[in-house]
Amino acid sequence: MRSLMSLVVSYIPLVVVGIIALGFAPLSWLVSRFVRPSKPTQWMENTYECGSEPIGDAHVQFKFQYYAFAIIFVVFDLIATFLMVWAVAFSGLSTMATVWMLLFLSIMILGVTYSLKKEETVWI
């Protein structure tokens, strides 16, 4: 019973930070509702784009290459994150954990090579 209580007490800072993190966005939105001006003006209704007046239609069709670049970036970001954790804890990992990490790494590398081969012209 004593060890359970000490375990609960050790997680109290984590719970407090979690409550603050989850409450930050709604609280910011609520405060902004009271702070912002309530009367819209013609100046506030205009689209702002780097100080210039907008010209033409705002609906532009993006190329797929932008999305492919974003997906490749996310894959590399995941690989880098997991490799950092793996490198820090490498000496304490079991053989099975090392095998699973190598399997994960090979699947990620396979995905990146597939996406790069599918892109005939690599503009990245």
Protein backbone atom coordinates (compact mmCIF):
# COMPACT_ATOMS: atom_id res chain seq x y z
CA MET A 1 0.00 0.00 0.00
CA ARG A 2 2.87 2.34 0.80
CA SER A 3 4.59 1.73 -2.54
CA LEU A 4 1.32 2.34 -4.40
CA MET A 5 0.92 5.68 -2.66
CA SER A 6 4.47 6.72 -3.51
CA LEU A 7 3.85 5.71 -7.13
CA VAL A 8 0.72 7.87 -7.25
CA VAL A 9 2.57 10.80 -5.67
CA SER A 10 5.40 10.51 -8.21
CA TYR A 11 2.90 10.84 -11.10
CA ILE A 12 1.21 13.99 -9.73
CA PRO A 13 3.55 16.40 -11.64
CA LEU A 14 2.80 14.52 -14.87
CA VAL A 15 -0.93 14.83 -14.28
CA VAL A 16 -0.60 18.55 -13.56
CA VAL A 17 1.40 19.15 -16.75
CA GLY A 18 -1.14 17.08 -18.72
CA ILE A 19 -4.03 19.14 -17.38
CA ILE A 20 -2.20 22.38 -18.22
CA ALA A 21 -1.38 21.10 -21.74
CA LEU A 22 -4.95 19.99 -22.43
CA GLY A 23 -6.44 23.17 -20.98
CA PHE A 24 -4.13 25.63 -22.73
CA ALA A 25 -5.84 25.67 -26.15
CA PRO A 26 -9.44 26.03 -24.88
CA LEU A 27 -8.37 28.65 -22.35
CA SER A 28 -6.49 30.63 -25.02
CA TRP A 29 -9.53 30.51 -27.29
CA LEU A 30 -11.81 31.66 -24.47
CA VAL A 31 -9.51 34.55 -23.50
CA SER A 32 -9.21 35.63 -27.15
CA ARG A 33 -13.00 35.85 -27.40
CA PHE A 34 -12.99 38.54 -24.71
CA VAL A 35 -9.85 40.42 -25.78
CA ARG A 36 -10.40 40.80 -29.52
CA PRO A 37 -12.43 43.65 -31.00
CA SER A 38 -16.04 42.72 -31.64
CA LYS A 39 -16.92 45.18 -34.43
CA PRO A 40 -15.59 43.99 -37.79
CA THR A 41 -14.45 46.77 -40.10
CA GLN A 42 -13.82 46.80 -43.84
CA TRP A 43 -10.08 46.63 -43.15
CA MET A 44 -10.57 43.50 -41.03
CA GLU A 45 -12.63 41.82 -43.77
CA ASN A 46 -9.86 42.10 -46.40
CA THR A 47 -7.53 39.19 -47.04
CA TYR A 48 -4.03 39.95 -45.81
CA GLU A 49 -1.20 38.48 -47.81
CA CYS A 50 2.20 40.04 -47.18
CA GLY A 51 0.87 43.57 -47.48
CA SER A 52 -0.26 43.21 -51.09
CA GLU A 53 -3.78 43.16 -52.44
CA PRO A 54 -4.95 39.67 -53.40
CA ILE A 55 -5.45 39.12 -57.13
CA GLY A 56 -7.38 36.28 -58.74
CA ASP A 57 -8.95 33.15 -57.35
CA ALA A 58 -7.69 31.63 -54.10
CA HIS A 59 -8.42 28.05 -55.19
CA VAL A 60 -5.16 26.67 -56.51
CA GLN A 61 -4.54 23.01 -57.24
CA PHE A 62 -1.32 21.86 -55.60
CA LYS A 63 1.00 19.37 -57.22
CA PHE A 64 1.32 15.92 -55.70
CA GLN A 65 5.07 16.39 -55.28
CA TYR A 66 4.45 18.70 -52.33
CA TYR A 67 2.53 15.97 -50.55
CA ALA A 68 5.12 13.36 -51.45
CA PHE A 69 7.82 15.60 -50.02
CA ALA A 70 5.80 16.03 -46.82
CA ILE A 71 5.30 12.27 -46.46
CA ILE A 72 8.99 11.57 -47.04
CA PHE A 73 9.84 14.22 -44.44
CA VAL A 74 7.52 12.62 -41.88
CA VAL A 75 9.06 9.20 -42.53
CA PHE A 76 12.58 10.57 -42.05
CA ASP A 77 11.43 12.41 -38.94
CA LEU A 78 10.00 9.19 -37.48
CA ILE A 79 13.16 7.30 -38.29
CA ALA A 80 15.33 9.97 -36.67
CA THR A 81 13.17 10.05 -33.55
CA PHE A 82 13.10 6.31 -33.06
CA LEU A 83 16.79 5.98 -33.85
CA MET A 84 17.65 8.55 -31.18
CA VAL A 85 15.62 6.67 -28.58
CA TRP A 86 17.09 3.38 -29.76
CA ALA A 87 20.65 4.74 -29.63
CA VAL A 88 20.20 6.08 -26.11
CA ALA A 89 18.74 2.82 -24.77
CA PHE A 90 20.75 0.47 -27.00
CA SER A 91 22.93 -1.08 -24.29
CA GLY A 92 19.92 -1.97 -22.16
CA LEU A 93 17.79 -3.44 -24.94
CA SER A 94 17.15 -7.12 -25.37
CA THR A 95 17.94 -8.98 -28.56
CA MET A 96 14.26 -9.08 -29.48
CA ALA A 97 13.94 -5.30 -29.09
CA THR A 98 16.95 -4.84 -31.37
CA VAL A 99 15.39 -7.15 -33.96
CA TRP A 100 12.09 -5.23 -33.83
CA MET A 101 13.90 -1.92 -34.23
CA LEU A 102 15.86 -3.22 -37.21
CA LEU A 103 12.59 -4.49 -38.71
CA PHE A 104 11.00 -1.07 -38.20
CA LEU A 105 14.01 0.65 -39.72
CA SER A 106 13.99 -1.65 -42.76
CA ILE A 107 10.26 -1.06 -43.35
CA MET A 108 10.79 2.71 -43.19
CA ILE A 109 13.75 2.58 -45.56
CA LEU A 110 11.75 0.34 -47.91
CA GLY A 111 8.93 2.91 -47.89
CA VAL A 112 11.29 5.76 -48.67
CA THR A 113 13.01 3.89 -51.51
CA TYR A 114 9.60 2.95 -52.96
CA SER A 115 8.40 6.55 -52.86
CA LEU A 116 11.64 7.82 -54.40
CA LYS A 117 11.50 5.18 -57.16
CA LYS A 118 7.87 6.05 -57.87
CA GLU A 119 8.88 9.66 -58.39
CA GLU A 120 10.53 9.61 -61.80
CA THR A 121 11.78 13.18 -61.54
CA VAL A 122 13.12 13.86 -58.11
CA TRP A 123 12.82 17.59 -57.57
CA ILE A 124 13.50 17.42 -53.84
